[in-house]
């Protein structure tokens, strides 16, 4: 699992039929301190995340392990919205 912040959405009017109905999110990768790494990924939204929210996402074969993405041609999925996280006893993020 990886940390990211939803930077925006992606609209694709023509896509593989198995991907119809999915919302796509542009996710900025975050490091453990909550800072953007400069990398981005497009991920299927399995949890209803919105722009600006901090999320957990998975890539590769793990992205096809959610109920929504099972057996779908998906390489990244947002699977949780982060409420809080701590590192070494210090709170890094609180929603």
PDB file of N, CA and C in Angstrom:
ATOM      1  N   UNK A   1       0.841  -1.175   0.000  1.00  0.00           N
ATOM      2  CA  UNK A   1       0.000   0.000   0.000  1.00  0.00           C
ATOM      3  C   UNK A   1       0.883   1.234   0.000  1.00  0.00           C
ATOM      4  N   UNK A   2       0.378   2.255  -0.656  1.00  0.00           N
ATOM      5  CA  UNK A   2       1.117   3.499  -0.810  1.00  0.00           C
ATOM      6  C   UNK A   2       0.241   4.665  -0.397  1.00  0.00           C
ATOM      7  N   UNK A   3       0.876   5.766   0.014  1.00  0.00           N
ATOM      8  CA  UNK A   3       0.151   6.976   0.393  1.00  0.00           C
ATOM      9  C   UNK A   3       0.115   7.959  -0.761  1.00  0.00           C
ATOM     10  N   UNK A   4      -1.014   8.633  -0.917  1.00  0.00           N
ATOM     11  CA  UNK A   4      -1.137   9.649  -1.948  1.00  0.00           C
ATOM     12  C   UNK A   4      -2.183  10.672  -1.580  1.00  0.00           C
ATOM     13  N   UNK A   5      -2.191  11.774  -2.333  1.00  0.00           N
ATOM     14  CA  UNK A   5      -3.219  12.804  -2.172  1.00  0.00           C
ATOM     15  C   UNK A   5      -3.918  12.947  -3.522  1.00  0.00           C
ATOM     16  N   UNK A   6      -5.224  12.923  -3.514  1.00  0.00           N
ATOM     17  CA  UNK A   6      -5.980  13.039  -4.759  1.00  0.00           C
ATOM     18  C   UNK A   6      -5.790  14.449  -5.310  1.00  0.00           C
ATOM     19  N   UNK A   7      -5.171  14.522  -6.485  1.00  0.00           N
ATOM     20  CA  UNK A   7      -4.872  15.801  -7.125  1.00  0.00           C
ATOM     21  C   UNK A   7      -5.987  16.217  -8.076  1.00  0.00           C
ATOM     22  N   UNK A   8      -6.761  15.257  -8.554  1.00  0.00           N
ATOM     23  CA  UNK A   8      -7.823  15.579  -9.496  1.00  0.00           C
ATOM     24  C   UNK A   8      -8.454  14.328 -10.056  1.00  0.00           C
ATOM     25  N   UNK A   9      -9.240  14.526 -11.088  1.00  0.00           N
ATOM     26  CA  UNK A   9      -9.928  13.412 -11.733  1.00  0.00           C
ATOM     27  C   UNK A   9      -9.491  13.308 -13.184  1.00  0.00           C
ATOM     28  N   UNK A  10      -9.757  12.169 -13.766  1.00  0.00           N
ATOM     29  CA  UNK A  10      -9.467  11.931 -15.173  1.00  0.00           C
ATOM     30  C   UNK A  10     -10.739  11.391 -15.806  1.00  0.00           C
ATOM     31  N   UNK A  11     -11.126  11.964 -16.930  1.00  0.00           N
ATOM     32  CA  UNK A  11     -12.312  11.520 -17.647  1.00  0.00           C
ATOM     33  C   UNK A  11     -11.872  10.866 -18.945  1.00  0.00           C
ATOM     34  N   UNK A  12     -12.370   9.665 -19.180  1.00  0.00           N
ATOM     35  CA  UNK A  12     -12.099   8.935 -20.421  1.00  0.00           C
ATOM     36  C   UNK A  12     -13.449   8.496 -20.986  1.00  0.00           C
ATOM     37  N   UNK A  13     -13.909   9.169 -22.023  1.00  0.00           N
ATOM     38  CA  UNK A  13     -15.238   8.866 -22.559  1.00  0.00           C
ATOM     39  C   UNK A  13     -15.267   7.551 -23.330  1.00  0.00           C
ATOM     40  N   UNK A  14     -14.117   7.115 -23.828  1.00  0.00           N
ATOM     41  CA  UNK A  14     -14.028   5.831 -24.523  1.00  0.00           C
ATOM     42  C   UNK A  14     -13.012   4.976 -23.784  1.00  0.00           C
ATOM     43  N   UNK A  15     -13.447   3.794 -23.361  1.00  0.00           N
ATOM     44  CA  UNK A  15     -12.550   2.916 -22.603  1.00  0.00           C
ATOM     45  C   UNK A  15     -12.988   1.473 -22.757  1.00  0.00           C
ATOM     46  N   UNK A  16     -12.148   0.581 -22.298  1.00  0.00           N
ATOM     47  CA  UNK A  16     -12.444  -0.849 -22.263  1.00  0.00           C
ATOM     48  C   UNK A  16     -13.792  -1.034 -21.564  1.00  0.00           C
ATOM     49  N   UNK A  17     -14.699  -1.813 -22.142  1.00  0.00           N
ATOM     50  CA  UNK A  17     -16.012  -2.004 -21.521  1.00  0.00           C
ATOM     51  C   UNK A  17     -15.955  -2.468 -20.060  1.00  0.00           C
ATOM     52  N   UNK A  18     -14.952  -3.241 -19.693  1.00  0.00           N
ATOM     53  CA  UNK A  18     -14.839  -3.711 -18.298  1.00  0.00           C
ATOM     54  C   UNK A  18     -14.591  -2.559 -17.326  1.00  0.00           C
ATOM     55  N   UNK A  19     -14.186  -1.400 -17.854  1.00  0.00           N
ATOM     56  CA  UNK A  19     -13.890  -0.250 -16.999  1.00  0.00           C
ATOM     57  C   UNK A  19     -15.019   0.776 -16.975  1.00  0.00           C
ATOM     58  N   UNK A  20     -16.121   0.491 -17.646  1.00  0.00           N
ATOM     59  CA  UNK A  20     -17.273   1.394 -17.642  1.00  0.00           C
ATOM     60  C   UNK A  20     -17.781   1.585 -16.220  1.00  0.00           C
ATOM     61  N   UNK A  21     -18.149   2.806 -15.881  1.00  0.00           N
ATOM     62  CA  UNK A  21     -18.715   3.102 -14.572  1.00  0.00           C
ATOM     63  C   UNK A  21     -17.701   3.439 -13.494  1.00  0.00           C
ATOM     64  N   UNK A  22     -16.423   3.264 -13.778  1.00  0.00           N
ATOM     65  CA  UNK A  22     -15.401   3.588 -12.784  1.00  0.00           C
ATOM     66  C   UNK A  22     -15.042   5.063 -12.840  1.00  0.00           C
ATOM     67  N   UNK A  23     -14.771   5.644 -11.658  1.00  0.00           N
ATOM     68  CA  UNK A  23     -14.235   7.000 -11.566  1.00  0.00           C
ATOM     69  C   UNK A  23     -12.722   6.859 -11.477  1.00  0.00           C
ATOM     70  N   UNK A  24     -12.012   7.663 -12.259  1.00  0.00           N
ATOM     71  CA  UNK A  24     -10.554   7.643 -12.246  1.00  0.00           C
ATOM     72  C   UNK A  24     -10.037   8.878 -11.518  1.00  0.00           C
ATOM     73  N   UNK A  25      -9.044   8.670 -10.662  1.00  0.00           N
ATOM     74  CA  UNK A  25      -8.435   9.751  -9.893  1.00  0.00           C
ATOM     75  C   UNK A  25      -6.965   9.902 -10.252  1.00  0.00           C
ATOM     76  N   UNK A  26      -6.497  11.131 -10.295  1.00  0.00           N
ATOM     77  CA  UNK A  26      -5.074  11.421 -10.437  1.00  0.00           C
ATOM     78  C   UNK A  26      -4.550  11.579  -9.007  1.00  0.00           C
ATOM     79  N   UNK A  27      -3.620  10.717  -8.625  1.00  0.00           N
ATOM     80  CA  UNK A  27      -3.117  10.676  -7.250  1.00  0.00           C
ATOM     81  C   UNK A  27      -1.645  11.071  -7.235  1.00  0.00           C
ATOM     82  N   UNK A  28      -1.322  12.081  -6.421  1.00  0.00           N
ATOM     83  CA  UNK A  28       0.069  12.499  -6.223  1.00  0.00           C
ATOM     84  C   UNK A  28       0.666  11.623  -5.129  1.00  0.00           C
ATOM     85  N   UNK A  29       1.788  10.991  -5.422  1.00  0.00           N
ATOM     86  CA  UNK A  29       2.446  10.120  -4.453  1.00  0.00           C
ATOM     87  C   UNK A  29       3.008  10.951  -3.294  1.00  0.00           C
ATOM     88  N   UNK A  30       2.880  10.425  -2.054  1.00  0.00           N
ATOM     89  CA  UNK A  30       3.402  11.095  -0.867  1.00  0.00           C
ATOM     90  C   UNK A  30       4.470  10.243  -0.205  1.00  0.00           C
ATOM     91  N   UNK A  31       5.437  10.916   0.439  1.00  0.00           N
ATOM     92  CA  UNK A  31       6.414  10.182   1.235  1.00  0.00           C
ATOM     93  C   UNK A  31       5.878  10.026   2.659  1.00  0.00           C
ATOM     94  N   UNK A  32       6.644   9.423   3.539  1.00  0.00           N
ATOM     95  CA  UNK A  32       6.187   9.123   4.893  1.00  0.00           C
ATOM     96  C   UNK A  32       5.927  10.390   5.718  1.00  0.00           C
ATOM     97  N   UNK A  33       6.512  11.518   5.297  1.00  0.00           N
ATOM     98  CA  UNK A  33       6.293  12.789   5.989  1.00  0.00           C
ATOM     99  C   UNK A  33       5.120  13.580   5.408  1.00  0.00           C
ATOM    100  N   UNK A  34       4.451  12.997   4.421  1.00  0.00           N
ATOM    101  CA  UNK A  34       3.308  13.661   3.811  1.00  0.00           C
ATOM    102  C   UNK A  34       3.668  14.640   2.711  1.00  0.00           C
ATOM    103  N   UNK A  35       4.913  14.607   2.264  1.00  0.00           N
ATOM    104  CA  UNK A  35       5.370  15.506   1.205  1.00  0.00           C
ATOM    105  C   UNK A  35       5.242  14.818  -0.159  1.00  0.00           C
ATOM    106  N   UNK A  36       4.843  15.584  -1.158  1.00  0.00           N
ATOM    107  CA  UNK A  36       4.719  15.053  -2.512  1.00  0.00           C
ATOM    108  C   UNK A  36       6.091  14.648  -3.046  1.00  0.00           C
ATOM    109  N   UNK A  37       6.150  13.494  -3.704  1.00  0.00           N
ATOM    110  CA  UNK A  37       7.412  13.011  -4.271  1.00  0.00           C
ATOM    111  C   UNK A  37       7.636  13.508  -5.690  1.00  0.00           C
ATOM    112  N   UNK A  38       6.592  14.033  -6.306  1.00  0.00           N
ATOM    113  CA  UNK A  38       6.680  14.467  -7.700  1.00  0.00           C
ATOM    114  C   UNK A  38       6.095  13.447  -8.661  1.00  0.00           C
ATOM    115  N   UNK A  39       5.789  12.252  -8.157  1.00  0.00           N
ATOM    116  CA  UNK A  39       5.196  11.223  -8.997  1.00  0.00           C
ATOM    117  C   UNK A  39       3.676  11.235  -8.917  1.00  0.00           C
ATOM    118  N   UNK A  40       3.062  10.769  -9.988  1.00  0.00           N
ATOM    119  CA  UNK A  40       1.607  10.681 -10.057  1.00  0.00           C
ATOM    120  C   UNK A  40       1.200   9.324 -10.599  1.00  0.00           C
ATOM    121  N   UNK A  41      -0.013   8.905 -10.248  1.00  0.00           N
ATOM    122  CA  UNK A  41      -0.574   7.678 -10.768  1.00  0.00           C
ATOM    123  C   UNK A  41      -2.066   7.925 -11.012  1.00  0.00           C
ATOM    124  N   UNK A  42      -2.606   7.277 -12.040  1.00  0.00           N
ATOM    125  CA  UNK A  42      -4.052   7.299 -12.262  1.00  0.00           C
ATOM    126  C   UNK A  42      -4.598   6.017 -11.657  1.00  0.00           C
ATOM    127  N   UNK A  43      -5.595   6.154 -10.786  1.00  0.00           N
ATOM    128  CA  UNK A  43      -6.123   5.000 -10.057  1.00  0.00           C
ATOM    129  C   UNK A  43      -7.642   4.963 -10.136  1.00  0.00           C
ATOM    130  N   UNK A  44      -8.175   3.751 -10.156  1.00  0.00           N
ATOM    131  CA  UNK A  44      -9.615   3.552 -10.040  1.00  0.00           C
ATOM    132  C   UNK A  44     -10.010   3.875  -8.607  1.00  0.00           C
ATOM    133  N   UNK A  45     -11.128   4.570  -8.427  1.00  0.00           N
ATOM    134  CA  UNK A  45     -11.616   4.923  -7.093  1.00  0.00           C
ATOM    135  C   UNK A  45     -12.612   3.869  -6.620  1.00  0.00           C
ATOM    136  N   UNK A  46     -12.227   3.097  -5.615  1.00  0.00           N
ATOM    137  CA  UNK A  46     -13.103   2.055  -5.074  1.00  0.00           C
ATOM    138  C   UNK A  46     -13.819   2.493  -3.800  1.00  0.00           C
ATOM    139  N   UNK A  47     -13.548   3.740  -3.324  1.00  0.00           N
ATOM    140  CA  UNK A  47     -14.085   4.150  -2.020  1.00  0.00           C
ATOM    141  C   UNK A  47     -14.766   5.519  -1.999  1.00  0.00           C
ATOM    142  N   UNK A  48     -14.861   6.190  -3.119  1.00  0.00           N
ATOM    143  CA  UNK A  48     -15.523   7.491  -3.144  1.00  0.00           C
ATOM    144  C   UNK A  48     -14.668   8.636  -2.649  1.00  0.00           C
ATOM    145  N   UNK A  49     -13.374   8.599  -2.923  1.00  0.00           N
ATOM    146  CA  UNK A  49     -12.455   9.656  -2.493  1.00  0.00           C
ATOM    147  C   UNK A  49     -12.656  10.913  -3.337  1.00  0.00           C
ATOM    148  N   UNK A  50     -12.290  12.056  -2.748  1.00  0.00           N
ATOM    149  CA  UNK A  50     -12.419  13.322  -3.455  1.00  0.00           C
ATOM    150  C   UNK A  50     -11.105  14.069  -3.527  1.00  0.00           C
ATOM    151  N   UNK A  51     -11.084  15.084  -4.356  1.00  0.00           N
ATOM    152  CA  UNK A  51      -9.892  15.899  -4.543  1.00  0.00           C
ATOM    153  C   UNK A  51      -9.423  16.471  -3.204  1.00  0.00           C
ATOM    154  N   UNK A  52      -8.123  16.369  -2.954  1.00  0.00           N
ATOM    155  CA  UNK A  52      -7.512  16.871  -1.738  1.00  0.00           C
ATOM    156  C   UNK A  52      -7.405  15.851  -0.622  1.00  0.00           C
ATOM    157  N   UNK A  53      -8.123  14.733  -0.736  1.00  0.00           N
ATOM    158  CA  UNK A  53      -8.068  13.737   0.336  1.00  0.00           C
ATOM    159  C   UNK A  53      -6.787  12.914   0.253  1.00  0.00           C
ATOM    160  N   UNK A  54      -6.289  12.523   1.434  1.00  0.00           N
ATOM    161  CA  UNK A  54      -5.150  11.619   1.524  1.00  0.00           C
ATOM    162  C   UNK A  54      -5.713  10.201   1.489  1.00  0.00           C
ATOM    163  N   UNK A  55      -5.101   9.353   0.657  1.00  0.00           N
ATOM    164  CA  UNK A  55      -5.629   8.010   0.424  1.00  0.00           C
ATOM    165  C   UNK A  55      -4.522   6.968   0.477  1.00  0.00           C
ATOM    166  N   UNK A  56      -4.941   5.713   0.656  1.00  0.00           N
ATOM    167  CA  UNK A  56      -4.068   4.560   0.458  1.00  0.00           C
ATOM    168  C   UNK A  56      -4.427   3.977  -0.896  1.00  0.00           C
ATOM    169  N   UNK A  57      -3.409   3.644  -1.664  1.00  0.00           N
ATOM    170  CA  UNK A  57      -3.675   3.007  -2.951  1.00  0.00           C
ATOM    171  C   UNK A  57      -2.710   1.851  -3.153  1.00  0.00           C
ATOM    172  N   UNK A  58      -3.119   0.957  -4.018  1.00  0.00           N
ATOM    173  CA  UNK A  58      -2.288  -0.205  -4.352  1.00  0.00           C
ATOM    174  C   UNK A  58      -2.065  -0.214  -5.856  1.00  0.00           C
ATOM    175  N   UNK A  59      -0.934  -0.784  -6.250  1.00  0.00           N
ATOM    176  CA  UNK A  59      -0.623  -0.890  -7.676  1.00  0.00           C
ATOM    177  C   UNK A  59      -0.288  -2.337  -8.029  1.00  0.00           C
ATOM    178  N   UNK A  60      -0.172  -2.590  -9.311  1.00  0.00           N
ATOM    179  CA  UNK A  60       0.174  -3.928  -9.786  1.00  0.00           C
ATOM    180  C   UNK A  60      -0.955  -4.916  -9.550  1.00  0.00           C
ATOM    181  N   UNK A  61      -0.599  -6.170  -9.351  1.00  0.00           N
ATOM    182  CA  UNK A  61      -1.618  -7.207  -9.187  1.00  0.00           C
ATOM    183  C   UNK A  61      -2.479  -6.975  -7.956  1.00  0.00           C
ATOM    184  N   UNK A  62      -1.955  -6.281  -6.949  1.00  0.00           N
ATOM    185  CA  UNK A  62      -2.743  -5.968  -5.750  1.00  0.00           C
ATOM    186  C   UNK A  62      -3.931  -5.069  -6.074  1.00  0.00           C
ATOM    187  N   UNK A  63      -3.826  -4.291  -7.139  1.00  0.00           N
ATOM    188  CA  UNK A  63      -4.917  -3.394  -7.524  1.00  0.00           C
ATOM    189  C   UNK A  63      -6.141  -4.167  -8.002  1.00  0.00           C
ATOM    190  N   UNK A  64      -5.965  -5.404  -8.338  1.00  0.00           N
ATOM    191  CA  UNK A  64      -7.084  -6.229  -8.814  1.00  0.00           C
ATOM    192  C   UNK A  64      -7.652  -7.109  -7.706  1.00  0.00           C
ATOM    193  N   UNK A  65      -7.357  -6.774  -6.460  1.00  0.00           N
ATOM    194  CA  UNK A  65      -7.807  -7.585  -5.325  1.00  0.00           C
ATOM    195  C   UNK A  65      -8.996  -6.986  -4.583  1.00  0.00           C
ATOM    196  N   UNK A  66      -9.540  -5.851  -5.044  1.00  0.00           N
ATOM    197  CA  UNK A  66     -10.721  -5.288  -4.397  1.00  0.00           C
ATOM    198  C   UNK A  66     -11.972  -5.879  -5.041  1.00  0.00           C
ATOM    199  N   UNK A  67     -13.083  -5.769  -4.360  1.00  0.00           N
ATOM    200  CA  UNK A  67     -14.353  -6.256  -4.908  1.00  0.00           C
ATOM    201  C   UNK A  67     -14.646  -5.550  -6.229  1.00  0.00           C
ATOM    202  N   UNK A  68     -14.414  -4.238  -6.281  1.00  0.00           N
ATOM    203  CA  UNK A  68     -14.733  -3.455  -7.480  1.00  0.00           C
ATOM    204  C   UNK A  68     -13.839  -3.781  -8.663  1.00  0.00           C
ATOM    205  N   UNK A  69     -12.567  -4.109  -8.410  1.00  0.00           N
ATOM    206  CA  UNK A  69     -11.609  -4.267  -9.509  1.00  0.00           C
ATOM    207  C   UNK A  69     -11.243  -5.716  -9.817  1.00  0.00           C
ATOM    208  N   UNK A  70     -11.894  -6.664  -9.182  1.00  0.00           N
ATOM    209  CA  UNK A  70     -11.595  -8.079  -9.415  1.00  0.00           C
ATOM    210  C   UNK A  70     -11.714  -8.416 -10.893  1.00  0.00           C
ATOM    211  N   UNK A  71     -10.628  -8.948 -11.449  1.00  0.00           N
ATOM    212  CA  UNK A  71     -10.558  -9.373 -12.847  1.00  0.00           C
ATOM    213  C   UNK A  71     -10.737  -8.240 -13.854  1.00  0.00           C
ATOM    214  N   UNK A  72     -10.421  -7.030 -13.442  1.00  0.00           N
ATOM    215  CA  UNK A  72     -10.492  -5.864 -14.328  1.00  0.00           C
ATOM    216  C   UNK A  72      -9.076  -5.476 -14.753  1.00  0.00           C
ATOM    217  N   UNK A  73      -8.929  -4.850 -15.928  1.00  0.00           N
ATOM    218  CA  UNK A  73      -7.605  -4.414 -16.388  1.00  0.00           C
ATOM    219  C   UNK A  73      -7.181  -3.138 -15.674  1.00  0.00           C
ATOM    220  N   UNK A  74      -6.844  -3.280 -14.413  1.00  0.00           N
ATOM    221  CA  UNK A  74      -6.570  -2.150 -13.529  1.00  0.00           C
ATOM    222  C   UNK A  74      -5.173  -2.310 -12.923  1.00  0.00           C
ATOM    223  N   UNK A  75      -4.389  -1.228 -12.947  1.00  0.00           N
ATOM    224  CA  UNK A  75      -3.047  -1.292 -12.377  1.00  0.00           C
ATOM    225  C   UNK A  75      -2.882  -0.444 -11.124  1.00  0.00           C
ATOM    226  N   UNK A  76      -3.914   0.332 -10.761  1.00  0.00           N
ATOM    227  CA  UNK A  76      -3.866   1.122  -9.521  1.00  0.00           C
ATOM    228  C   UNK A  76      -5.292   1.336  -9.022  1.00  0.00           C
ATOM    229  N   UNK A  77      -5.468   1.239  -7.701  1.00  0.00           N
ATOM    230  CA  UNK A  77      -6.796   1.425  -7.107  1.00  0.00           C
ATOM    231  C   UNK A  77      -6.672   2.151  -5.777  1.00  0.00           C
ATOM    232  N   UNK A  78      -7.545   3.139  -5.568  1.00  0.00           N
ATOM    233  CA  UNK A  78      -7.654   3.790  -4.264  1.00  0.00           C
ATOM    234  C   UNK A  78      -8.573   2.909  -3.443  1.00  0.00           C
ATOM    235  N   UNK A  79      -8.063   2.436  -2.276  1.00  0.00           N
ATOM    236  CA  UNK A  79      -8.826   1.473  -1.480  1.00  0.00           C
ATOM    237  C   UNK A  79      -9.124   1.941  -0.069  1.00  0.00           C
ATOM    238  N   UNK A  80      -8.652   3.138   0.299  1.00  0.00           N
ATOM    239  CA  UNK A  80      -8.950   3.668   1.633  1.00  0.00           C
ATOM    240  C   UNK A  80      -8.727   5.172   1.639  1.00  0.00           C
ATOM    241  N   UNK A  81      -9.536   5.857   2.444  1.00  0.00           N
ATOM    242  CA  UNK A  81      -9.347   7.280   2.699  1.00  0.00           C
ATOM    243  C   UNK A  81      -8.736   7.387   4.099  1.00  0.00           C
ATOM    244  N   UNK A  82      -7.608   8.076   4.206  1.00  0.00           N
ATOM    245  CA  UNK A  82      -6.856   8.149   5.457  1.00  0.00           C
ATOM    246  C   UNK A  82      -7.491   9.183   6.387  1.00  0.00           C
ATOM    247  N   UNK A  83      -7.754   8.779   7.627  1.00  0.00           N
ATOM    248  CA  UNK A  83      -8.250   9.700   8.646  1.00  0.00           C
ATOM    249  C   UNK A  83      -7.092  10.323   9.415  1.00  0.00           C
ATOM    250  N   UNK A  84      -6.139   9.491   9.861  1.00  0.00           N
ATOM    251  CA  UNK A  84      -4.952   9.984  10.561  1.00  0.00           C
ATOM    252  C   UNK A  84      -3.781   9.057  10.276  1.00  0.00           C
ATOM    253  N   UNK A  85      -2.563   9.588  10.443  1.00  0.00           N
ATOM    254  CA  UNK A  85      -1.395   8.720  10.499  1.00  0.00           C
ATOM    255  C   UNK A  85      -0.318   9.365  11.341  1.00  0.00           C
ATOM    256  N   UNK A  86       0.445   8.494  12.002  1.00  0.00           N
ATOM    257  CA  UNK A  86       1.529   8.919  12.889  1.00  0.00           C
ATOM    258  C   UNK A  86       2.823   8.250  12.460  1.00  0.00           C
ATOM    259  N   UNK A  87       3.928   8.937  12.687  1.00  0.00           N
ATOM    260  CA  UNK A  87       5.260   8.384  12.462  1.00  0.00           C
ATOM    261  C   UNK A  87       6.086   8.695  13.695  1.00  0.00           C
ATOM    262  N   UNK A  88       6.660   7.677  14.311  1.00  0.00           N
ATOM    263  CA  UNK A  88       7.484   7.836  15.513  1.00  0.00           C
ATOM    264  C   UNK A  88       6.753   8.634  16.602  1.00  0.00           C
ATOM    265  N   UNK A  89       5.456   8.370  16.760  1.00  0.00           N
ATOM    266  CA  UNK A  89       4.671   9.016  17.803  1.00  0.00           C
ATOM    267  C   UNK A  89       4.189  10.414  17.481  1.00  0.00           C
ATOM    268  N   UNK A  90       4.588  10.953  16.331  1.00  0.00           N
ATOM    269  CA  UNK A  90       4.155  12.295  15.936  1.00  0.00           C
ATOM    270  C   UNK A  90       3.091  12.193  14.854  1.00  0.00           C
ATOM    271  N   UNK A  91       2.023  12.930  15.037  1.00  0.00           N
ATOM    272  CA  UNK A  91       0.955  12.918  14.048  1.00  0.00           C
ATOM    273  C   UNK A  91       1.401  13.667  12.805  1.00  0.00           C
ATOM    274  N   UNK A  92       1.282  12.996  11.651  1.00  0.00           N
ATOM    275  CA  UNK A  92       1.646  13.589  10.375  1.00  0.00           C
ATOM    276  C   UNK A  92       0.411  14.148   9.679  1.00  0.00           C
ATOM    277  N   UNK A  93      -0.710  13.451   9.812  1.00  0.00           N
ATOM    278  CA  UNK A  93      -1.933  13.850   9.093  1.00  0.00           C
ATOM    279  C   UNK A  93      -3.163  13.569   9.941  1.00  0.00           C
ATOM    280  N   UNK A  94      -4.090  14.485   9.922  1.00  0.00           N
ATOM    281  CA  UNK A  94      -5.417  14.290  10.514  1.00  0.00           C
ATOM    282  C   UNK A  94      -6.409  14.927   9.555  1.00  0.00           C
ATOM    283  N   UNK A  95      -7.423  14.171   9.198  1.00  0.00           N
ATOM    284  CA  UNK A  95      -8.433  14.649   8.257  1.00  0.00           C
ATOM    285  C   UNK A  95      -9.254  15.755   8.866  1.00  0.00           C
TER     286      UNK A  95
END
